[in-house]
Amino acid sequence: MSSDRLQRYLECIAACNACVVSCQHCASLCLQEPDVKMMTRCIALDFDCAEMCSVSVALMAGGSELADAMCGLCARACRMCAEECGKHSHDHCQQCAEACRVCAEACERVAV
C-alpha cells in the first residue's frame, strides 16, 4: 500500500470513528425528544450511518480489497444523514450533520 493511500485511510478511519460517535450521540438524544415520531428518519439514518462507518473502518484497518467500495457506500450514507440532521435545529443534529459531511469527504477521497 502506498504511503499516500495509507494516509487517506488513516484520515478516513479517524473521520469514520468520529462520525460513529456523533451519530450514536445524535440518535440517543433524538430518542429523548418529546416528539420522537418527528425524529424517526433522523434516528434511522444515524444508526445506518454509524454501522456503515464501523464496517468501513474494519475493512480499511484490515486492508480489505472491498474497503474502497465500502467507503463509497459509506459516503452516500453520510451524505443522507447529514442532509436529514441538517434539517433539525438541535445542537446534536447540527454537530452530527457536520461530522457526517467531514466523513463523507474523507470516504470520497478513499473511494476514488
PDB file of N, CA and C in Angstrom:
ATOM      1  N   MET A   1       0.855  -1.176   0.000  1.00  0.00           N
ATOM      2  CA  MET A   1       0.000   0.000   0.000  1.00  0.00           C
ATOM      3  C   MET A   1       0.898   1.236   0.000  1.00  0.00           C
ATOM      4  N   SER A   2       0.575   2.177  -0.861  1.00  0.00           N
ATOM      5  CA  SER A   2       1.380   3.400  -0.949  1.00  0.00           C
ATOM      6  C   SER A   2       1.184   4.245   0.313  1.00  0.00           C
ATOM      7  N   SER A   3       2.172   5.076   0.602  1.00  0.00           N
ATOM      8  CA  SER A   3       2.053   5.936   1.792  1.00  0.00           C
ATOM      9  C   SER A   3       0.932   6.952   1.613  1.00  0.00           C
ATOM     10  N   ASP A   4       0.661   7.323   0.364  1.00  0.00           N
ATOM     11  CA  ASP A   4      -0.441   8.244   0.071  1.00  0.00           C
ATOM     12  C   ASP A   4      -1.787   7.600   0.419  1.00  0.00           C
ATOM     13  N   ARG A   5      -1.950   6.346  -0.012  1.00  0.00           N
ATOM     14  CA  ARG A   5      -3.194   5.615   0.265  1.00  0.00           C
ATOM     15  C   ARG A   5      -3.328   5.371   1.768  1.00  0.00           C
ATOM     16  N   LEU A   6      -2.243   5.010   2.408  1.00  0.00           N
ATOM     17  CA  LEU A   6      -2.262   4.785   3.850  1.00  0.00           C
ATOM     18  C   LEU A   6      -2.697   6.046   4.582  1.00  0.00           C
ATOM     19  N   GLN A   7      -2.172   7.202   4.162  1.00  0.00           N
ATOM     20  CA  GLN A   7      -2.548   8.466   4.799  1.00  0.00           C
ATOM     21  C   GLN A   7      -4.033   8.745   4.628  1.00  0.00           C
ATOM     22  N   ARG A   8      -4.564   8.493   3.418  1.00  0.00           N
ATOM     23  CA  ARG A   8      -6.008   8.679   3.176  1.00  0.00           C
ATOM     24  C   ARG A   8      -6.817   7.734   4.051  1.00  0.00           C
ATOM     25  N   TYR A   9      -6.358   6.491   4.183  1.00  0.00           N
ATOM     26  CA  TYR A   9      -7.056   5.538   5.045  1.00  0.00           C
ATOM     27  C   TYR A   9      -7.052   6.011   6.492  1.00  0.00           C
ATOM     28  N   LEU A  10      -5.911   6.474   6.979  1.00  0.00           N
ATOM     29  CA  LEU A  10      -5.830   6.916   8.374  1.00  0.00           C
ATOM     30  C   LEU A  10      -6.750   8.103   8.628  1.00  0.00           C
ATOM     31  N   GLU A  11      -6.795   9.044   7.689  1.00  0.00           N
ATOM     32  CA  GLU A  11      -7.695  10.194   7.829  1.00  0.00           C
ATOM     33  C   GLU A  11      -9.155   9.745   7.785  1.00  0.00           C
ATOM     34  N   CYS A  12      -9.448   8.803   6.915  1.00  0.00           N
ATOM     35  CA  CYS A  12     -10.815   8.308   6.772  1.00  0.00           C
ATOM     36  C   CYS A  12     -11.242   7.510   8.007  1.00  0.00           C
ATOM     37  N   ILE A  13     -10.345   6.699   8.522  1.00  0.00           N
ATOM     38  CA  ILE A  13     -10.638   5.933   9.734  1.00  0.00           C
ATOM     39  C   ILE A  13     -10.964   6.886  10.883  1.00  0.00           C
ATOM     40  N   ALA A  14     -10.178   7.941  11.036  1.00  0.00           N
ATOM     41  CA  ALA A  14     -10.429   8.927  12.100  1.00  0.00           C
ATOM     42  C   ALA A  14     -11.780   9.608  11.894  1.00  0.00           C
ATOM     43  N   ALA A  15     -12.079   9.997  10.651  1.00  0.00           N
ATOM     44  CA  ALA A  15     -13.363  10.658  10.360  1.00  0.00           C
ATOM     45  C   ALA A  15     -14.530   9.700  10.597  1.00  0.00           C
ATOM     46  N   CYS A  16     -14.368   8.448  10.200  1.00  0.00           N
ATOM     47  CA  CYS A  16     -15.430   7.450  10.405  1.00  0.00           C
ATOM     48  C   CYS A  16     -15.675   7.202  11.894  1.00  0.00           C
ATOM     49  N   ASN A  17     -14.596   7.089  12.653  1.00  0.00           N
ATOM     50  CA  ASN A  17     -14.762   6.868  14.094  1.00  0.00           C
ATOM     51  C   ASN A  17     -15.468   8.054  14.750  1.00  0.00           C
ATOM     52  N   ALA A  18     -15.103   9.267  14.372  1.00  0.00           N
ATOM     53  CA  ALA A  18     -15.759  10.458  14.922  1.00  0.00           C
ATOM     54  C   ALA A  18     -17.226  10.487  14.518  1.00  0.00           C
ATOM     55  N   CYS A  19     -17.516  10.056  13.303  1.00  0.00           N
ATOM     56  CA  CYS A  19     -18.893  10.043  12.812  1.00  0.00           C
ATOM     57  C   CYS A  19     -19.738   9.019  13.568  1.00  0.00           C
ATOM     58  N   VAL A  20     -19.165   7.856  13.861  1.00  0.00           N
ATOM     59  CA  VAL A  20     -19.880   6.838  14.638  1.00  0.00           C
ATOM     60  C   VAL A  20     -20.320   7.428  15.978  1.00  0.00           C
ATOM     61  N   VAL A  21     -19.392   8.063  16.664  1.00  0.00           N
ATOM     62  CA  VAL A  21     -19.689   8.651  17.978  1.00  0.00           C
ATOM     63  C   VAL A  21     -20.774   9.716  17.854  1.00  0.00           C
ATOM     64  N   SER A  22     -20.640  10.578  16.857  1.00  0.00           N
ATOM     65  CA  SER A  22     -21.605  11.659  16.671  1.00  0.00           C
ATOM     66  C   SER A  22     -22.991  11.118  16.325  1.00  0.00           C
ATOM     67  N   CYS A  23     -23.053  10.127  15.448  1.00  0.00           N
ATOM     68  CA  CYS A  23     -24.348   9.539  15.058  1.00  0.00           C
ATOM     69  C   CYS A  23     -25.017   8.825  16.230  1.00  0.00           C
ATOM     70  N   GLN A  24     -24.235   8.091  17.005  1.00  0.00           N
ATOM     71  CA  GLN A  24     -24.812   7.401  18.157  1.00  0.00           C
ATOM     72  C   GLN A  24     -25.311   8.400  19.197  1.00  0.00           C
ATOM     73  N   HIS A  25     -24.566   9.459  19.400  1.00  0.00           N
ATOM     74  CA  HIS A  25     -24.962  10.510  20.338  1.00  0.00           C
ATOM     75  C   HIS A  25     -26.244  11.190  19.858  1.00  0.00           C
ATOM     76  N   CYS A  26     -26.292  11.505  18.575  1.00  0.00           N
ATOM     77  CA  CYS A  26     -27.463  12.160  17.996  1.00  0.00           C
ATOM     78  C   CYS A  26     -28.699  11.263  18.143  1.00  0.00           C
ATOM     79  N   ALA A  27     -28.566  10.001  17.778  1.00  0.00           N
ATOM     80  CA  ALA A  27     -29.703   9.078  17.882  1.00  0.00           C
ATOM     81  C   ALA A  27     -30.190   8.974  19.318  1.00  0.00           C
ATOM     82  N   SER A  28     -29.255   8.881  20.238  1.00  0.00           N
ATOM     83  CA  SER A  28     -29.610   8.768  21.656  1.00  0.00           C
ATOM     84  C   SER A  28     -30.403   9.982  22.134  1.00  0.00           C
ATOM     85  N   LEU A  29     -29.947  11.175  21.754  1.00  0.00           N
ATOM     86  CA  LEU A  29     -30.658  12.381  22.173  1.00  0.00           C
ATOM     87  C   LEU A  29     -31.973  12.565  21.417  1.00  0.00           C
ATOM     88  N   CYS A  30     -32.018  12.156  20.163  1.00  0.00           N
ATOM     89  CA  CYS A  30     -33.276  12.232  19.399  1.00  0.00           C
ATOM     90  C   CYS A  30     -34.347  11.344  20.032  1.00  0.00           C
ATOM     91  N   LEU A  31     -33.925  10.212  20.563  1.00  0.00           N
ATOM     92  CA  LEU A  31     -34.874   9.305  21.217  1.00  0.00           C
ATOM     93  C   LEU A  31     -35.469   9.903  22.487  1.00  0.00           C
ATOM     94  N   GLN A  32     -34.835  10.953  23.010  1.00  0.00           N
ATOM     95  CA  GLN A  32     -35.333  11.612  24.215  1.00  0.00           C
ATOM     96  C   GLN A  32     -36.187  12.848  23.901  1.00  0.00           C
ATOM     97  N   GLU A  33     -36.328  13.156  22.621  1.00  0.00           N
ATOM     98  CA  GLU A  33     -37.131  14.311  22.225  1.00  0.00           C
ATOM     99  C   GLU A  33     -38.612  14.061  22.526  1.00  0.00           C
ATOM    100  N   PRO A  34     -39.352  15.115  22.871  1.00  0.00           N
ATOM    101  CA  PRO A  34     -40.784  14.964  23.164  1.00  0.00           C
ATOM    102  C   PRO A  34     -41.560  14.388  21.972  1.00  0.00           C
ATOM    103  N   ASP A  35     -41.190  14.795  20.763  1.00  0.00           N
ATOM    104  CA  ASP A  35     -41.869  14.296  19.577  1.00  0.00           C
ATOM    105  C   ASP A  35     -40.928  13.362  18.811  1.00  0.00           C
ATOM    106  N   VAL A  36     -40.725  12.174  19.367  1.00  0.00           N
ATOM    107  CA  VAL A  36     -39.793  11.204  18.785  1.00  0.00           C
ATOM    108  C   VAL A  36     -40.211  10.826  17.367  1.00  0.00           C
ATOM    109  N   LYS A  37     -41.512  10.779  17.141  1.00  0.00           N
ATOM    110  CA  LYS A  37     -42.013  10.383  15.829  1.00  0.00           C
ATOM    111  C   LYS A  37     -41.474  11.307  14.723  1.00  0.00           C
ATOM    112  N   MET A  38     -41.345  12.577  15.041  1.00  0.00           N
ATOM    113  CA  MET A  38     -40.820  13.538  14.076  1.00  0.00           C
ATOM    114  C   MET A  38     -39.338  13.262  13.767  1.00  0.00           C
ATOM    115  N   MET A  39     -38.657  12.543  14.648  1.00  0.00           N
ATOM    116  CA  MET A  39     -37.218  12.321  14.518  1.00  0.00           C
ATOM    117  C   MET A  39     -36.880  10.928  13.967  1.00  0.00           C
ATOM    118  N   THR A  40     -37.881  10.142  13.570  1.00  0.00           N
ATOM    119  CA  THR A  40     -37.608   8.749  13.207  1.00  0.00           C
ATOM    120  C   THR A  40     -36.636   8.598  12.039  1.00  0.00           C
ATOM    121  N   ARG A  41     -36.773   9.424  11.012  1.00  0.00           N
ATOM    122  CA  ARG A  41     -35.843   9.291   9.876  1.00  0.00           C
ATOM    123  C   ARG A  41     -34.430   9.670  10.310  1.00  0.00           C
ATOM    124  N   CYS A  42     -34.310  10.689  11.119  1.00  0.00           N
ATOM    125  CA  CYS A  42     -33.011  11.102  11.637  1.00  0.00           C
ATOM    126  C   CYS A  42     -32.370   9.953  12.428  1.00  0.00           C
ATOM    127  N   ILE A  43     -33.123   9.358  13.299  1.00  0.00           N
ATOM    128  CA  ILE A  43     -32.625   8.253  14.128  1.00  0.00           C
ATOM    129  C   ILE A  43     -32.216   7.071  13.257  1.00  0.00           C
ATOM    130  N   ALA A  44     -33.066   6.714  12.300  1.00  0.00           N
ATOM    131  CA  ALA A  44     -32.767   5.581  11.424  1.00  0.00           C
ATOM    132  C   ALA A  44     -31.488   5.824  10.628  1.00  0.00           C
ATOM    133  N   LEU A  45     -31.333   7.032  10.084  1.00  0.00           N
ATOM    134  CA  LEU A  45     -30.129   7.339   9.321  1.00  0.00           C
ATOM    135  C   LEU A  45     -28.899   7.419  10.220  1.00  0.00           C
ATOM    136  N   ASP A  46     -29.072   7.886  11.454  1.00  0.00           N
ATOM    137  CA  ASP A  46     -27.960   7.874  12.417  1.00  0.00           C
ATOM    138  C   ASP A  46     -27.454   6.448  12.611  1.00  0.00           C
ATOM    139  N   PHE A  47     -28.378   5.520  12.823  1.00  0.00           N
ATOM    140  CA  PHE A  47     -27.989   4.122  13.035  1.00  0.00           C
ATOM    141  C   PHE A  47     -27.326   3.542  11.784  1.00  0.00           C
ATOM    142  N   ASP A  48     -27.920   3.792  10.613  1.00  0.00           N
ATOM    143  CA  ASP A  48     -27.353   3.278   9.360  1.00  0.00           C
ATOM    144  C   ASP A  48     -25.953   3.841   9.127  1.00  0.00           C
ATOM    145  N   CYS A  49     -25.813   5.126   9.321  1.00  0.00           N
ATOM    146  CA  CYS A  49     -24.534   5.787   9.093  1.00  0.00           C
ATOM    147  C   CYS A  49     -23.462   5.247  10.045  1.00  0.00           C
ATOM    148  N   ALA A  50     -23.811   5.109  11.313  1.00  0.00           N
ATOM    149  CA  ALA A  50     -22.848   4.584  12.289  1.00  0.00           C
ATOM    150  C   ALA A  50     -22.395   3.175  11.907  1.00  0.00           C
ATOM    151  N   GLU A  51     -23.325   2.352  11.452  1.00  0.00           N
ATOM    152  CA  GLU A  51     -22.979   0.979  11.040  1.00  0.00           C
ATOM    153  C   GLU A  51     -22.064   0.988   9.823  1.00  0.00           C
ATOM    154  N   MET A  52     -22.402   1.799   8.832  1.00  0.00           N
ATOM    155  CA  MET A  52     -21.595   1.865   7.615  1.00  0.00           C
ATOM    156  C   MET A  52     -20.181   2.357   7.942  1.00  0.00           C
ATOM    157  N   CYS A  53     -20.089   3.336   8.828  1.00  0.00           N
ATOM    158  CA  CYS A  53     -18.774   3.845   9.227  1.00  0.00           C
ATOM    159  C   CYS A  53     -17.962   2.770   9.940  1.00  0.00           C
ATOM    160  N   SER A  54     -18.614   2.017  10.820  1.00  0.00           N
ATOM    161  CA  SER A  54     -17.917   0.955  11.557  1.00  0.00           C
ATOM    162  C   SER A  54     -17.382  -0.118  10.613  1.00  0.00           C
ATOM    163  N   VAL A  55     -18.194  -0.518   9.658  1.00  0.00           N
ATOM    164  CA  VAL A  55     -17.765  -1.530   8.690  1.00  0.00           C
ATOM    165  C   VAL A  55     -16.622  -0.984   7.832  1.00  0.00           C
ATOM    166  N   SER A  56     -16.732   0.263   7.429  1.00  0.00           N
ATOM    167  CA  SER A  56     -15.665   0.870   6.628  1.00  0.00           C
ATOM    168  C   SER A  56     -14.344   0.874   7.386  1.00  0.00           C
ATOM    169  N   VAL A  57     -14.391   1.231   8.659  1.00  0.00           N
ATOM    170  CA  VAL A  57     -13.183   1.228   9.490  1.00  0.00           C
ATOM    171  C   VAL A  57     -12.584  -0.170   9.540  1.00  0.00           C
ATOM    172  N   ALA A  58     -13.414  -1.172   9.768  1.00  0.00           N
ATOM    173  CA  ALA A  58     -12.918  -2.547   9.864  1.00  0.00           C
ATOM    174  C   ALA A  58     -12.262  -2.988   8.551  1.00  0.00           C
ATOM    175  N   LEU A  59     -12.875  -2.652   7.429  1.00  0.00           N
ATOM    176  CA  LEU A  59     -12.320  -3.061   6.141  1.00  0.00           C
ATOM    177  C   LEU A  59     -11.025  -2.324   5.826  1.00  0.00           C
ATOM    178  N   MET A  60     -10.980  -1.023   6.122  1.00  0.00           N
ATOM    179  CA  MET A  60      -9.745  -0.278   5.880  1.00  0.00           C
ATOM    180  C   MET A  60      -8.623  -0.784   6.786  1.00  0.00           C
ATOM    181  N   ALA A  61      -8.933  -0.982   8.056  1.00  0.00           N
ATOM    182  CA  ALA A  61      -7.914  -1.433   9.013  1.00  0.00           C
ATOM    183  C   ALA A  61      -7.369  -2.804   8.637  1.00  0.00           C
ATOM    184  N   GLY A  62      -8.224  -3.626   8.060  1.00  0.00           N
ATOM    185  CA  GLY A  62      -7.804  -4.961   7.662  1.00  0.00           C
ATOM    186  C   GLY A  62      -7.203  -5.031   6.271  1.00  0.00           C
ATOM    187  N   GLY A  63      -7.152  -3.895   5.577  1.00  0.00           N
ATOM    188  CA  GLY A  63      -6.583  -3.876   4.238  1.00  0.00           C
ATOM    189  C   GLY A  63      -7.417  -4.627   3.217  1.00  0.00           C
ATOM    190  N   SER A  64      -8.714  -4.698   3.435  1.00  0.00           N
ATOM    191  CA  SER A  64      -9.599  -5.435   2.534  1.00  0.00           C
ATOM    192  C   SER A  64      -9.652  -4.793   1.149  1.00  0.00           C
ATOM    193  N   GLU A  65      -9.735  -5.645   0.137  1.00  0.00           N
ATOM    194  CA  GLU A  65      -9.878  -5.120  -1.225  1.00  0.00           C
ATOM    195  C   GLU A  65     -11.271  -4.525  -1.444  1.00  0.00           C
ATOM    196  N   LEU A  66     -12.184  -4.731  -0.504  1.00  0.00           N
ATOM    197  CA  LEU A  66     -13.526  -4.163  -0.582  1.00  0.00           C
ATOM    198  C   LEU A  66     -13.633  -2.803   0.112  1.00  0.00           C
ATOM    199  N   ALA A  67     -12.564  -2.378   0.757  1.00  0.00           N
ATOM    200  CA  ALA A  67     -12.601  -1.141   1.550  1.00  0.00           C
ATOM    201  C   ALA A  67     -13.005   0.073   0.711  1.00  0.00           C
ATOM    202  N   ASP A  68     -12.420   0.226  -0.462  1.00  0.00           N
ATOM    203  CA  ASP A  68     -12.712   1.411  -1.272  1.00  0.00           C
ATOM    204  C   ASP A  68     -14.185   1.454  -1.686  1.00  0.00           C
ATOM    205  N   ALA A  69     -14.726   0.304  -2.085  1.00  0.00           N
ATOM    206  CA  ALA A  69     -16.140   0.240  -2.476  1.00  0.00           C
ATOM    207  C   ALA A  69     -17.041   0.536  -1.277  1.00  0.00           C
ATOM    208  N   MET A  70     -16.684  -0.001  -0.124  1.00  0.00           N
ATOM    209  CA  MET A  70     -17.476   0.242   1.076  1.00  0.00           C
ATOM    210  C   MET A  70     -17.435   1.716   1.446  1.00  0.00           C
ATOM    211  N   CYS A  71     -16.302   2.344   1.281  1.00  0.00           N
ATOM    212  CA  CYS A  71     -16.186   3.774   1.582  1.00  0.00           C
ATOM    213  C   CYS A  71     -17.075   4.599   0.661  1.00  0.00           C
ATOM    214  N   GLY A  72     -17.249   4.163  -0.576  1.00  0.00           N
ATOM    215  CA  GLY A  72     -18.172   4.847  -1.476  1.00  0.00           C
ATOM    216  C   GLY A  72     -19.596   4.789  -0.953  1.00  0.00           C
ATOM    217  N   LEU A  73     -20.014   3.624  -0.473  1.00  0.00           N
ATOM    218  CA  LEU A  73     -21.354   3.474   0.122  1.00  0.00           C
ATOM    219  C   LEU A  73     -21.459   4.265   1.422  1.00  0.00           C
ATOM    220  N   CYS A  74     -20.395   4.253   2.184  1.00  0.00           N
ATOM    221  CA  CYS A  74     -20.382   4.981   3.451  1.00  0.00           C
ATOM    222  C   CYS A  74     -20.551   6.477   3.191  1.00  0.00           C
ATOM    223  N   ALA A  75     -19.887   6.987   2.172  1.00  0.00           N
ATOM    224  CA  ALA A  75     -20.018   8.407   1.831  1.00  0.00           C
ATOM    225  C   ALA A  75     -21.472   8.734   1.515  1.00  0.00           C
ATOM    226  N   ARG A  76     -22.134   7.841   0.800  1.00  0.00           N
ATOM    227  CA  ARG A  76     -23.545   8.060   0.471  1.00  0.00           C
ATOM    228  C   ARG A  76     -24.402   8.092   1.745  1.00  0.00           C
ATOM    229  N   ALA A  77     -24.174   7.157   2.655  1.00  0.00           N
ATOM    230  CA  ALA A  77     -24.918   7.126   3.921  1.00  0.00           C
ATOM    231  C   ALA A  77     -24.662   8.393   4.725  1.00  0.00           C
ATOM    232  N   CYS A  78     -23.417   8.834   4.747  1.00  0.00           N
ATOM    233  CA  CYS A  78     -23.065  10.063   5.478  1.00  0.00           C
ATOM    234  C   CYS A  78     -23.756  11.282   4.885  1.00  0.00           C
ATOM    235  N   ARG A  79     -23.801  11.363   3.574  1.00  0.00           N
ATOM    236  CA  ARG A  79     -24.458  12.499   2.923  1.00  0.00           C
ATOM    237  C   ARG A  79     -25.957  12.515   3.241  1.00  0.00           C
ATOM    238  N   MET A  80     -26.583  11.342   3.211  1.00  0.00           N
ATOM    239  CA  MET A  80     -28.013  11.259   3.538  1.00  0.00           C
ATOM    240  C   MET A  80     -28.268  11.680   4.976  1.00  0.00           C
ATOM    241  N   CYS A  81     -27.426  11.193   5.887  1.00  0.00           N
ATOM    242  CA  CYS A  81     -27.573  11.510   7.305  1.00  0.00           C
ATOM    243  C   CYS A  81     -27.329  13.002   7.537  1.00  0.00           C
ATOM    244  N   ALA A  82     -26.310  13.550   6.891  1.00  0.00           N
ATOM    245  CA  ALA A  82     -26.012  14.982   7.041  1.00  0.00           C
ATOM    246  C   ALA A  82     -27.184  15.830   6.577  1.00  0.00           C
ATOM    247  N   GLU A  83     -27.781  15.430   5.467  1.00  0.00           N
ATOM    248  CA  GLU A  83     -28.914  16.189   4.937  1.00  0.00           C
ATOM    249  C   GLU A  83     -30.089  16.163   5.913  1.00  0.00           C
ATOM    250  N   GLU A  84     -30.392  14.987   6.448  1.00  0.00           N
ATOM    251  CA  GLU A  84     -31.521  14.872   7.378  1.00  0.00           C
ATOM    252  C   GLU A  84     -31.230  15.595   8.690  1.00  0.00           C
ATOM    253  N   CYS A  85     -30.077  15.358   9.278  1.00  0.00           N
ATOM    254  CA  CYS A  85     -29.742  16.005  10.551  1.00  0.00           C
ATOM    255  C   CYS A  85     -29.692  17.518  10.396  1.00  0.00           C
ATOM    256  N   GLY A  86     -29.241  17.977   9.240  1.00  0.00           N
ATOM    257  CA  GLY A  86     -29.154  19.403   8.980  1.00  0.00           C
ATOM    258  C   GLY A  86     -30.502  20.105   8.992  1.00  0.00           C
ATOM    259  N   LYS A  87     -31.579  19.349   8.832  1.00  0.00           N
ATOM    260  CA  LYS A  87     -32.926  19.926   8.844  1.00  0.00           C
ATOM    261  C   LYS A  87     -33.401  20.272  10.249  1.00  0.00           C
ATOM    262  N   HIS A  88     -32.738  19.720  11.264  1.00  0.00           N
ATOM    263  CA  HIS A  88     -33.184  19.892  12.648  1.00  0.00           C
ATOM    264  C   HIS A  88     -32.304  20.912  13.366  1.00  0.00           C
ATOM    265  N   SER A  89     -32.918  21.724  14.189  1.00  0.00           N
ATOM    266  CA  SER A  89     -32.184  22.814  14.842  1.00  0.00           C
ATOM    267  C   SER A  89     -31.432  22.384  16.105  1.00  0.00           C
ATOM    268  N   HIS A  90     -31.667  21.172  16.573  1.00  0.00           N
ATOM    269  CA  HIS A  90     -30.975  20.709  17.787  1.00  0.00           C
ATOM    270  C   HIS A  90     -29.458  20.746  17.578  1.00  0.00           C
ATOM    271  N   ASP A  91     -28.733  21.147  18.615  1.00  0.00           N
ATOM    272  CA  ASP A  91     -27.271  21.204  18.524  1.00  0.00           C
ATOM    273  C   ASP A  91     -26.687  19.850  18.131  1.00  0.00           C
ATOM    274  N   HIS A  92     -27.206  18.778  18.742  1.00  0.00           N
ATOM    275  CA  HIS A  92     -26.649  17.448  18.460  1.00  0.00           C
ATOM    276  C   HIS A  92     -26.879  17.051  17.008  1.00  0.00           C
ATOM    277  N   CYS A  93     -27.985  17.468  16.415  1.00  0.00           N
ATOM    278  CA  CYS A  93     -28.241  17.177  15.000  1.00  0.00           C
ATOM    279  C   CYS A  93     -27.288  17.978  14.113  1.00  0.00           C
ATOM    280  N   GLN A  94     -27.073  19.239  14.454  1.00  0.00           N
ATOM    281  CA  GLN A  94     -26.168  20.077  13.667  1.00  0.00           C
ATOM    282  C   GLN A  94     -24.726  19.557  13.759  1.00  0.00           C
ATOM    283  N   GLN A  95     -24.325  19.137  14.957  1.00  0.00           N
ATOM    284  CA  GLN A  95     -22.975  18.577  15.135  1.00  0.00           C
ATOM    285  C   GLN A  95     -22.832  17.270  14.365  1.00  0.00           C
ATOM    286  N   CYS A  96     -23.868  16.465  14.375  1.00  0.00           N
ATOM    287  CA  CYS A  96     -23.852  15.201  13.644  1.00  0.00           C
ATOM    288  C   CYS A  96     -23.765  15.470  12.139  1.00  0.00           C
ATOM    289  N   ALA A  97     -24.546  16.425  11.672  1.00  0.00           N
ATOM    290  CA  ALA A  97     -24.518  16.767  10.244  1.00  0.00           C
ATOM    291  C   ALA A  97     -23.104  17.154   9.809  1.00  0.00           C
ATOM    292  N   GLU A  98     -22.422  17.929  10.632  1.00  0.00           N
ATOM    293  CA  GLU A  98     -21.063  18.351  10.304  1.00  0.00           C
ATOM    294  C   GLU A  98     -20.105  17.164  10.301  1.00  0.00           C
ATOM    295  N   ALA A  99     -20.191  16.293  11.309  1.00  0.00           N
ATOM    296  CA  ALA A  99     -19.334  15.101  11.360  1.00  0.00           C
ATOM    297  C   ALA A  99     -19.586  14.212  10.141  1.00  0.00           C
ATOM    298  N   CYS A 100     -20.838  14.114   9.734  1.00  0.00           N
ATOM    299  CA  CYS A 100     -21.183  13.302   8.561  1.00  0.00           C
ATOM    300  C   CYS A 100     -20.614  13.910   7.280  1.00  0.00           C
ATOM    301  N   ARG A 101     -20.654  15.226   7.161  1.00  0.00           N
ATOM    302  CA  ARG A 101     -20.088  15.875   5.974  1.00  0.00           C
ATOM    303  C   ARG A 101     -18.575  15.654   5.891  1.00  0.00           C
ATOM    304  N   VAL A 102     -17.907  15.804   7.015  1.00  0.00           N
ATOM    305  CA  VAL A 102     -16.446  15.588   7.063  1.00  0.00           C
ATOM    306  C   VAL A 102     -16.129  14.135   6.696  1.00  0.00           C
ATOM    307  N   CYS A 103     -16.903  13.212   7.235  1.00  0.00           N
ATOM    308  CA  CYS A 103     -16.680  11.799   6.961  1.00  0.00           C
ATOM    309  C   CYS A 103     -16.960  11.477   5.494  1.00  0.00           C
ATOM    310  N   ALA A 104     -18.023  12.035   4.943  1.00  0.00           N
ATOM    311  CA  ALA A 104     -18.345  11.799   3.532  1.00  0.00           C
ATOM    312  C   ALA A 104     -17.189  12.230   2.638  1.00  0.00           C
ATOM    313  N   GLU A 105     -16.620  13.388   2.933  1.00  0.00           N
ATOM    314  CA  GLU A 105     -15.494  13.884   2.135  1.00  0.00           C
ATOM    315  C   GLU A 105     -14.291  12.962   2.243  1.00  0.00           C
ATOM    316  N   ALA A 106     -14.013  12.495   3.457  1.00  0.00           N
ATOM    317  CA  ALA A 106     -12.874  11.579   3.652  1.00  0.00           C
ATOM    318  C   ALA A 106     -13.115  10.252   2.921  1.00  0.00           C
ATOM    319  N   CYS A 107     -14.331   9.749   3.012  1.00  0.00           N
ATOM    320  CA  CYS A 107     -14.670   8.487   2.346  1.00  0.00           C
ATOM    321  C   CYS A 107     -14.600   8.636   0.828  1.00  0.00           C
ATOM    322  N   GLU A 108     -15.029   9.779   0.317  1.00  0.00           N
ATOM    323  CA  GLU A 108     -14.984  10.015  -1.126  1.00  0.00           C
ATOM    324  C   GLU A 108     -13.535  10.061  -1.632  1.00  0.00           C
ATOM    325  N   ARG A 109     -12.619  10.574  -0.813  1.00  0.00           N
ATOM    326  CA  ARG A 109     -11.208  10.593  -1.212  1.00  0.00           C
ATOM    327  C   ARG A 109     -10.648   9.171  -1.294  1.00  0.00           C
ATOM    328  N   VAL A 110     -11.117   8.292  -0.424  1.00  0.00           N
ATOM    329  CA  VAL A 110     -10.659   6.897  -0.430  1.00  0.00           C
ATOM    330  C   VAL A 110     -11.309   6.119  -1.571  1.00  0.00           C
ATOM    331  N   ALA A 111     -12.560   6.414  -1.842  1.00  0.00           N
ATOM    332  CA  ALA A 111     -13.330   5.647  -2.819  1.00  0.00           C
ATOM    333  C   ALA A 111     -12.871   5.886  -4.258  1.00  0.00           C
ATOM    334  N   VAL A 112     -12.098   6.939  -4.494  1.00  0.00           N
ATOM    335  CA  VAL A 112     -11.696   7.266  -5.873  1.00  0.00           C
ATOM    336  C   VAL A 112     -10.748   6.215  -6.413  1.00  0.00           C
TER     337      VAL A 112
END
